[in-house]
Each structure stands twice: as C-alpha cells, then as structure tokens.
Amino acid sequence: MNVGQSLICFFFLTLQDGKIGLINAKIIKRTGTEGGNITVGCSFTFSGYKRIFCKDKCKKGDILIETEEDTAQRGRYSITYKEGFFPKSNTFVYVSIRNLTQSDSGRYWCGLKRSLSFPSYDEIELRVPEGEFLLRVMLLTVH
C-alpha cells in the first residue's frame, strides 16, 4: 500500500464514531411507564445527512423514521437532530415514543448516515413494565 492509499484509509477511519453498523453500537438502557413518554439522546462525534430511528434489526420493515430533516414525526414516534461542532461538542439524535405500551419494550436503534462512511448507531434497550400505569391511575383517583 502506498502513502496516498494509507492517508485515504486513515482519513476514512477518523470519520468513524467507533460504533459502525449495529455491532459496535453503545447500549442505552431505559425504563418507561405505560401511558408515559420517553426521549433518549444518542451522541455522535460527527454529523450526518440522514437520521434513523428503528426497532429490532433496522431492516426495511423495522424503520420507524428515516429523514434528512432536523425533526420528523410518524405516529407516536419522533426524531430531533442537533448538530454539534467538532471537536467542542457532539452531535445528538433525540428519539421519542409517546403513550408507551408494554409492547413497546424491546431493542431500538438511533443512527446517522454519512456521505463518506458507514452509518453509526446507538442501541436503546427499552423496558416498559406491566402494571405501573394502572397503579399510577389508581393512586391519582384515591387522592
């Protein structure tokens, strides 16, 4: 490999967050309440042109939102993009789910696609335990 090829490889490697694809993603664990809302912030070193929010394996049918806009909403799901200015601050993708149900429990991914590199993702492990919403409603009606 010549010097030019080495420099090009080095350049592309520096554009990565260290969380290339779904394998190297950081895991963010959150617990929500039935009937409540949840917002999770995913942090990235570099900006991207496309924002992604998906469930399970991020295949075609799993994508909840994929947009080039700074904010987007689809049903109960929303995504907000806040671009940082490297090297001082990170770029964030905030993903939200409104009116949580127990069936929302599972694995989600928030990510960024970049023009010169592979997409980067953070993994979100969401748990919505059974019965917390009912207990909260009962306590509110007693008072």
N, C-alpha and C. Protein backbone atom coordinates (compact mmCIF):
# COMPACT_ATOMS: atom_id res chain seq x y z
N MET A 1 0.85 -1.17 0.00
CA MET A 1 0.00 0.00 0.00
C MET A 1 0.90 1.24 0.00
N ASN A 2 0.64 2.18 -0.89
CA ASN A 2 1.48 3.37 -0.95
C ASN A 2 1.00 4.42 0.05
N VAL A 3 1.75 5.50 0.17
CA VAL A 3 1.46 6.54 1.15
C VAL A 3 0.09 7.17 0.90
N GLY A 4 -0.24 7.42 -0.36
CA GLY A 4 -1.54 8.02 -0.69
C GLY A 4 -2.70 7.15 -0.24
N GLN A 5 -2.61 5.85 -0.49
CA GLN A 5 -3.67 4.93 -0.06
C GLN A 5 -3.76 4.88 1.45
N SER A 6 -2.62 4.91 2.12
CA SER A 6 -2.61 4.90 3.59
C SER A 6 -3.29 6.14 4.15
N LEU A 7 -3.02 7.30 3.56
CA LEU A 7 -3.64 8.53 4.03
C LEU A 7 -5.15 8.52 3.81
N ILE A 8 -5.57 7.99 2.68
CA ILE A 8 -7.01 7.89 2.42
C ILE A 8 -7.68 6.97 3.43
N CYS A 9 -7.09 5.82 3.72
CA CYS A 9 -7.63 4.90 4.73
C CYS A 9 -7.69 5.57 6.09
N PHE A 10 -6.62 6.27 6.47
CA PHE A 10 -6.59 6.96 7.74
C PHE A 10 -7.70 8.00 7.82
N PHE A 11 -7.92 8.75 6.73
CA PHE A 11 -8.97 9.76 6.69
C PHE A 11 -10.34 9.15 6.94
N PHE A 12 -10.66 8.06 6.25
CA PHE A 12 -11.96 7.42 6.44
C PHE A 12 -12.12 6.83 7.83
N LEU A 13 -11.08 6.30 8.38
CA LEU A 13 -11.16 5.75 9.74
C LEU A 13 -11.39 6.84 10.78
N THR A 14 -10.87 8.02 10.56
CA THR A 14 -11.07 9.10 11.52
C THR A 14 -12.50 9.63 11.48
N LEU A 15 -13.25 9.35 10.42
CA LEU A 15 -14.64 9.79 10.33
C LEU A 15 -15.60 8.89 11.09
N GLN A 16 -15.13 7.82 11.67
CA GLN A 16 -15.99 6.87 12.36
C GLN A 16 -16.12 7.22 13.83
N ASP A 17 -17.27 6.88 14.42
CA ASP A 17 -17.51 7.07 15.85
C ASP A 17 -17.03 5.89 16.67
N GLY A 18 -16.60 4.82 16.02
CA GLY A 18 -16.28 3.61 16.75
C GLY A 18 -17.52 2.76 16.97
N LYS A 19 -18.65 3.16 16.38
CA LYS A 19 -19.88 2.39 16.50
C LYS A 19 -20.47 2.18 15.12
N ILE A 20 -19.67 1.57 14.28
CA ILE A 20 -20.05 1.32 12.89
C ILE A 20 -21.08 0.20 12.84
N GLY A 21 -22.15 0.41 12.13
CA GLY A 21 -23.18 -0.61 11.99
C GLY A 21 -23.84 -0.91 13.33
N LEU A 22 -24.56 -2.01 13.39
CA LEU A 22 -25.29 -2.34 14.61
C LEU A 22 -24.46 -3.13 15.60
N ILE A 23 -23.29 -3.62 15.19
CA ILE A 23 -22.50 -4.49 16.05
C ILE A 23 -21.76 -3.72 17.14
N ASN A 24 -21.16 -2.58 16.82
CA ASN A 24 -20.35 -1.84 17.77
C ASN A 24 -21.10 -0.72 18.48
N ALA A 25 -22.40 -0.72 18.41
CA ALA A 25 -23.18 0.37 18.99
C ALA A 25 -23.11 0.35 20.52
N LYS A 26 -23.18 1.56 21.08
CA LYS A 26 -23.27 1.72 22.53
C LYS A 26 -24.70 1.35 22.94
N ILE A 27 -24.88 0.70 24.10
CA ILE A 27 -26.22 0.31 24.57
C ILE A 27 -26.70 1.31 25.62
N ILE A 28 -27.86 1.89 25.36
CA ILE A 28 -28.50 2.81 26.29
C ILE A 28 -29.72 2.09 26.87
N LYS A 29 -29.74 1.87 28.18
CA LYS A 29 -30.86 1.17 28.81
C LYS A 29 -31.80 2.17 29.47
N ARG A 30 -33.10 2.03 29.16
CA ARG A 30 -34.11 2.92 29.72
C ARG A 30 -35.34 2.12 30.11
N THR A 31 -36.04 2.62 31.14
CA THR A 31 -37.30 2.04 31.57
C THR A 31 -38.36 3.13 31.46
N GLY A 32 -39.47 2.80 30.81
CA GLY A 32 -40.56 3.74 30.66
C GLY A 32 -41.77 3.28 31.45
N THR A 33 -42.79 4.11 31.50
CA THR A 33 -44.03 3.82 32.21
C THR A 33 -45.17 3.74 31.21
N GLU A 34 -46.01 2.73 31.36
CA GLU A 34 -47.17 2.61 30.47
C GLU A 34 -47.96 3.91 30.48
N GLY A 35 -48.30 4.40 29.28
CA GLY A 35 -49.05 5.64 29.15
C GLY A 35 -48.17 6.87 29.14
N GLY A 36 -46.90 6.73 29.51
CA GLY A 36 -45.98 7.87 29.57
C GLY A 36 -45.24 8.06 28.25
N ASN A 37 -44.31 8.98 28.28
CA ASN A 37 -43.47 9.28 27.11
C ASN A 37 -42.01 9.06 27.49
N ILE A 38 -41.18 8.84 26.49
CA ILE A 38 -39.75 8.68 26.74
C ILE A 38 -38.97 9.32 25.60
N THR A 39 -37.87 9.99 25.96
CA THR A 39 -36.95 10.56 24.98
C THR A 39 -35.55 10.11 25.35
N VAL A 40 -34.81 9.66 24.35
CA VAL A 40 -33.44 9.19 24.54
C VAL A 40 -32.53 9.94 23.58
N GLY A 41 -31.40 10.41 24.09
CA GLY A 41 -30.43 11.11 23.27
C GLY A 41 -29.28 10.19 22.89
N CYS A 42 -28.99 10.10 21.63
CA CYS A 42 -27.86 9.33 21.12
C CYS A 42 -26.78 10.31 20.68
N SER A 43 -25.56 10.08 21.12
CA SER A 43 -24.46 11.01 20.89
C SER A 43 -23.50 10.47 19.83
N PHE A 44 -23.10 11.36 18.91
CA PHE A 44 -22.18 11.01 17.84
C PHE A 44 -21.09 12.07 17.73
N THR A 45 -19.89 11.66 17.37
CA THR A 45 -18.78 12.58 17.24
C THR A 45 -18.92 13.48 16.02
N PHE A 46 -19.43 12.93 14.93
CA PHE A 46 -19.55 13.66 13.68
C PHE A 46 -21.00 13.79 13.25
N SER A 47 -21.29 14.77 12.41
CA SER A 47 -22.65 14.96 11.91
C SER A 47 -22.95 13.97 10.79
N GLY A 48 -24.21 13.94 10.39
CA GLY A 48 -24.63 13.07 9.30
C GLY A 48 -25.75 13.72 8.52
N TYR A 49 -26.02 13.21 7.33
CA TYR A 49 -27.05 13.82 6.49
C TYR A 49 -28.41 13.15 6.65
N LYS A 50 -28.45 11.93 7.18
CA LYS A 50 -29.72 11.22 7.35
C LYS A 50 -29.83 10.69 8.77
N ARG A 51 -31.00 10.88 9.40
CA ARG A 51 -31.26 10.43 10.76
C ARG A 51 -32.17 9.22 10.71
N ILE A 52 -31.91 8.24 11.59
CA ILE A 52 -32.62 6.96 11.54
C ILE A 52 -33.09 6.57 12.93
N PHE A 53 -34.33 6.09 13.02
CA PHE A 53 -34.88 5.53 14.25
C PHE A 53 -35.59 4.24 13.84
N CYS A 54 -35.15 3.12 14.40
CA CYS A 54 -35.74 1.85 14.01
C CYS A 54 -35.83 0.90 15.20
N LYS A 55 -36.61 -0.14 15.02
CA LYS A 55 -36.78 -1.17 16.04
C LYS A 55 -36.24 -2.48 15.51
N ASP A 56 -35.78 -3.31 16.40
CA ASP A 56 -35.25 -4.64 16.10
C ASP A 56 -33.98 -4.58 15.26
N LYS A 57 -33.99 -5.05 14.03
CA LYS A 57 -32.75 -5.20 13.26
C LYS A 57 -32.52 -4.10 12.22
N CYS A 58 -33.33 -3.07 12.20
CA CYS A 58 -33.20 -1.95 11.26
C CYS A 58 -33.29 -2.39 9.80
N LYS A 59 -34.02 -3.44 9.54
CA LYS A 59 -34.28 -3.81 8.15
C LYS A 59 -35.44 -2.97 7.65
N LYS A 60 -35.78 -3.10 6.39
CA LYS A 60 -36.76 -2.23 5.75
C LYS A 60 -38.07 -2.08 6.55
N GLY A 61 -38.65 -3.14 7.04
CA GLY A 61 -39.91 -3.07 7.78
C GLY A 61 -39.76 -2.60 9.21
N ASP A 62 -38.53 -2.48 9.71
CA ASP A 62 -38.27 -2.08 11.10
C ASP A 62 -38.05 -0.58 11.24
N ILE A 63 -37.89 0.14 10.16
CA ILE A 63 -37.55 1.56 10.23
C ILE A 63 -38.79 2.37 10.62
N LEU A 64 -38.69 3.06 11.75
CA LEU A 64 -39.80 3.88 12.25
C LEU A 64 -39.75 5.27 11.60
N ILE A 65 -38.54 5.85 11.53
CA ILE A 65 -38.34 7.15 10.88
C ILE A 65 -36.97 7.14 10.21
N GLU A 66 -36.91 7.62 8.98
CA GLU A 66 -35.66 7.86 8.29
C GLU A 66 -35.84 9.17 7.54
N THR A 67 -35.04 10.18 7.90
CA THR A 67 -35.26 11.51 7.36
C THR A 67 -33.95 12.29 7.21
N GLU A 68 -33.96 13.27 6.33
CA GLU A 68 -32.85 14.22 6.21
C GLU A 68 -33.21 15.54 6.90
N GLU A 69 -34.42 15.62 7.43
CA GLU A 69 -34.86 16.82 8.14
C GLU A 69 -34.32 16.81 9.57
N ASP A 70 -34.30 17.99 10.22
CA ASP A 70 -33.83 18.07 11.61
C ASP A 70 -34.86 17.55 12.60
N THR A 71 -36.13 17.57 12.23
CA THR A 71 -37.18 16.99 13.07
C THR A 71 -38.17 16.25 12.18
N ALA A 72 -38.70 15.17 12.71
CA ALA A 72 -39.71 14.40 11.98
C ALA A 72 -40.55 13.63 12.98
N GLN A 73 -41.80 13.38 12.61
CA GLN A 73 -42.70 12.60 13.45
C GLN A 73 -43.49 11.65 12.58
N ARG A 74 -43.71 10.47 13.12
CA ARG A 74 -44.53 9.47 12.44
C ARG A 74 -45.32 8.73 13.51
N GLY A 75 -46.59 9.05 13.63
CA GLY A 75 -47.42 8.45 14.66
C GLY A 75 -46.92 8.83 16.05
N ARG A 76 -46.64 7.84 16.87
CA ARG A 76 -46.16 8.08 18.24
C ARG A 76 -44.66 8.31 18.32
N TYR A 77 -43.97 8.18 17.19
CA TYR A 77 -42.50 8.26 17.16
C TYR A 77 -42.04 9.60 16.61
N SER A 78 -40.96 10.13 17.19
CA SER A 78 -40.38 11.37 16.65
C SER A 78 -38.86 11.33 16.78
N ILE A 79 -38.22 12.19 16.01
CA ILE A 79 -36.76 12.26 15.99
C ILE A 79 -36.38 13.74 15.85
N THR A 80 -35.34 14.14 16.58
CA THR A 80 -34.83 15.51 16.52
C THR A 80 -33.32 15.44 16.41
N TYR A 81 -32.76 16.24 15.52
CA TYR A 81 -31.32 16.25 15.25
C TYR A 81 -30.73 17.57 15.72
N LYS A 82 -29.67 17.51 16.51
CA LYS A 82 -28.95 18.70 16.98
C LYS A 82 -27.48 18.53 16.62
N GLU A 83 -27.04 19.29 15.63
CA GLU A 83 -25.66 19.15 15.16
C GLU A 83 -24.69 19.88 16.07
N GLY A 84 -23.65 19.16 16.47
CA GLY A 84 -22.58 19.75 17.27
C GLY A 84 -21.48 20.25 16.36
N PHE A 85 -20.51 20.88 16.95
CA PHE A 85 -19.39 21.41 16.18
C PHE A 85 -18.11 20.78 16.69
N PHE A 86 -17.65 19.76 15.96
CA PHE A 86 -16.45 19.02 16.31
C PHE A 86 -15.27 19.99 16.35
N PRO A 87 -14.38 19.97 17.29
CA PRO A 87 -14.21 18.98 18.35
C PRO A 87 -14.84 19.38 19.67
N LYS A 88 -15.55 20.51 19.72
CA LYS A 88 -16.04 21.01 21.01
C LYS A 88 -17.28 20.29 21.53
N SER A 89 -18.21 19.95 20.67
CA SER A 89 -19.43 19.30 21.16
C SER A 89 -19.90 18.22 20.19
N ASN A 90 -20.56 17.23 20.74
CA ASN A 90 -21.06 16.11 19.95
C ASN A 90 -22.35 16.49 19.23
N THR A 91 -22.69 15.68 18.25
CA THR A 91 -23.97 15.77 17.55
C THR A 91 -24.92 14.80 18.22
N PHE A 92 -26.19 15.20 18.39
CA PHE A 92 -27.17 14.35 19.06
C PHE A 92 -28.35 14.05 18.15
N VAL A 93 -28.85 12.84 18.27
CA VAL A 93 -30.12 12.44 17.68
C VAL A 93 -31.00 12.04 18.85
N TYR A 94 -32.10 12.80 19.05
CA TYR A 94 -33.05 12.50 20.12
C TYR A 94 -34.23 11.76 19.52
N VAL A 95 -34.56 10.60 20.09
CA VAL A 95 -35.71 9.83 19.63
C VAL A 95 -36.72 9.73 20.76
N SER A 96 -38.00 9.81 20.39
CA SER A 96 -39.06 9.81 21.39
C SER A 96 -40.18 8.86 21.00
N ILE A 97 -40.81 8.29 22.03
CA ILE A 97 -42.03 7.49 21.85
C ILE A 97 -43.05 8.05 22.83
N ARG A 98 -44.24 8.37 22.32
CA ARG A 98 -45.33 8.86 23.16
C ARG A 98 -46.28 7.73 23.50
N ASN A 99 -46.99 7.88 24.62
CA ASN A 99 -48.05 6.96 25.03
C ASN A 99 -47.55 5.52 25.01
N LEU A 100 -46.52 5.25 25.80
CA LEU A 100 -45.88 3.93 25.83
C LEU A 100 -46.85 2.82 26.22
N THR A 101 -46.66 1.68 25.61
CA THR A 101 -47.38 0.46 25.98
C THR A 101 -46.35 -0.61 26.30
N GLN A 102 -46.80 -1.66 26.93
CA GLN A 102 -45.89 -2.76 27.27
C GLN A 102 -45.27 -3.36 26.01
N SER A 103 -46.00 -3.35 24.91
CA SER A 103 -45.48 -3.92 23.67
C SER A 103 -44.36 -3.07 23.06
N ASP A 104 -44.13 -1.86 23.58
CA ASP A 104 -43.01 -1.04 23.12
C ASP A 104 -41.68 -1.53 23.67
N SER A 105 -41.71 -2.41 24.66
CA SER A 105 -40.47 -2.97 25.19
C SER A 105 -39.69 -3.64 24.08
N GLY A 106 -38.38 -3.46 24.08
CA GLY A 106 -37.56 -4.11 23.07
C GLY A 106 -36.33 -3.30 22.73
N ARG A 107 -35.73 -3.65 21.61
CA ARG A 107 -34.48 -3.05 21.15
C ARG A 107 -34.75 -2.05 20.03
N TYR A 108 -34.21 -0.85 20.19
CA TYR A 108 -34.33 0.21 19.20
C TYR A 108 -32.93 0.67 18.82
N TRP A 109 -32.84 1.40 17.72
CA TRP A 109 -31.57 1.94 17.25
C TRP A 109 -31.79 3.37 16.79
N CYS A 110 -30.89 4.27 17.17
CA CYS A 110 -30.89 5.60 16.58
C CYS A 110 -29.55 5.77 15.88
N GLY A 111 -29.58 6.38 14.72
CA GLY A 111 -28.34 6.43 13.95
C GLY A 111 -28.24 7.59 13.00
N LEU A 112 -27.04 7.71 12.45
CA LEU A 112 -26.73 8.73 11.45
C LEU A 112 -26.06 8.08 10.26
N LYS A 113 -26.49 8.47 9.07
CA LYS A 113 -25.79 8.07 7.86
C LYS A 113 -24.97 9.25 7.40
N ARG A 114 -23.76 8.94 6.97
CA ARG A 114 -22.84 9.97 6.48
C ARG A 114 -22.52 9.68 5.02
N SER A 115 -22.16 10.70 4.28
CA SER A 115 -21.89 10.51 2.86
C SER A 115 -20.59 9.76 2.60
N LEU A 116 -19.59 9.88 3.47
CA LEU A 116 -18.29 9.26 3.22
C LEU A 116 -17.98 8.06 4.10
N SER A 117 -18.94 7.58 4.86
CA SER A 117 -18.65 6.46 5.75
C SER A 117 -19.90 5.63 6.00
N PHE A 118 -19.72 4.57 6.75
CA PHE A 118 -20.83 3.70 7.12
C PHE A 118 -21.70 4.40 8.16
N PRO A 119 -22.98 3.99 8.28
CA PRO A 119 -23.83 4.58 9.31
C PRO A 119 -23.31 4.21 10.70
N SER A 120 -23.56 5.09 11.67
CA SER A 120 -23.23 4.85 13.07
C SER A 120 -24.52 4.76 13.85
N TYR A 121 -24.58 3.85 14.83
CA TYR A 121 -25.80 3.63 15.61
C TYR A 121 -25.49 3.57 17.10
N ASP A 122 -26.49 3.93 17.90
CA ASP A 122 -26.55 3.62 19.32
C ASP A 122 -27.74 2.70 19.51
N GLU A 123 -27.59 1.74 20.38
CA GLU A 123 -28.67 0.80 20.69
C GLU A 123 -29.41 1.27 21.93
N ILE A 124 -30.73 1.18 21.88
CA ILE A 124 -31.57 1.53 23.02
C ILE A 124 -32.32 0.29 23.45
N GLU A 125 -32.16 -0.09 24.68
CA GLU A 125 -32.90 -1.22 25.23
C GLU A 125 -34.00 -0.64 26.13
N LEU A 126 -35.24 -0.72 25.66
CA LEU A 126 -36.38 -0.12 26.35
C LEU A 126 -37.19 -1.19 27.06
N ARG A 127 -37.54 -0.89 28.31
CA ARG A 127 -38.39 -1.79 29.08
C ARG A 127 -39.57 -0.99 29.59
N VAL A 128 -40.77 -1.51 29.34
CA VAL A 128 -42.00 -0.90 29.84
C VAL A 128 -42.70 -1.97 30.68
N PRO A 129 -42.49 -1.94 32.01
CA PRO A 129 -43.06 -2.98 32.86
C PRO A 129 -44.59 -2.93 32.92
N GLU A 130 -45.17 -4.07 33.15
CA GLU A 130 -46.62 -4.19 33.23
C GLU A 130 -47.13 -3.60 34.54
N GLY A 131 -48.28 -2.94 34.47
CA GLY A 131 -48.99 -2.54 35.67
C GLY A 131 -48.63 -1.20 36.27
N GLU A 132 -47.53 -0.58 35.90
CA GLU A 132 -47.18 0.70 36.52
C GLU A 132 -48.19 1.79 36.18
N PHE A 133 -48.72 1.77 34.95
CA PHE A 133 -49.70 2.78 34.56
C PHE A 133 -50.98 2.62 35.37
N LEU A 134 -51.45 1.39 35.54
CA LEU A 134 -52.67 1.13 36.30
C LEU A 134 -52.49 1.56 37.75
N LEU A 135 -51.35 1.27 38.35
CA LEU A 135 -51.08 1.67 39.72
C LEU A 135 -51.07 3.18 39.85
N ARG A 136 -50.48 3.88 38.90
CA ARG A 136 -50.43 5.34 38.93
C ARG A 136 -51.83 5.93 38.81
N VAL A 137 -52.68 5.39 37.96
CA VAL A 137 -54.05 5.84 37.81
C VAL A 137 -54.82 5.63 39.10
N MET A 138 -54.63 4.45 39.73
CA MET A 138 -55.32 4.16 40.99
C MET A 138 -54.90 5.14 42.09
N LEU A 139 -53.63 5.46 42.16
CA LEU A 139 -53.15 6.40 43.18
C LEU A 139 -53.69 7.80 42.94
N LEU A 140 -53.80 8.21 41.70
CA LEU A 140 -54.33 9.54 41.38
C LEU A 140 -55.82 9.64 41.71
N THR A 141 -56.58 8.57 41.52
CA THR A 141 -58.02 8.61 41.78
C THR A 141 -58.31 8.55 43.28
N VAL A 142 -57.42 7.99 44.09
CA VAL A 142 -57.62 7.92 45.54
C VAL A 142 -57.45 9.28 46.16
N HIS A 143 -56.54 10.09 45.65
CA HIS A 143 -56.27 11.41 46.23
C HIS A 143 -57.32 12.34 45.76
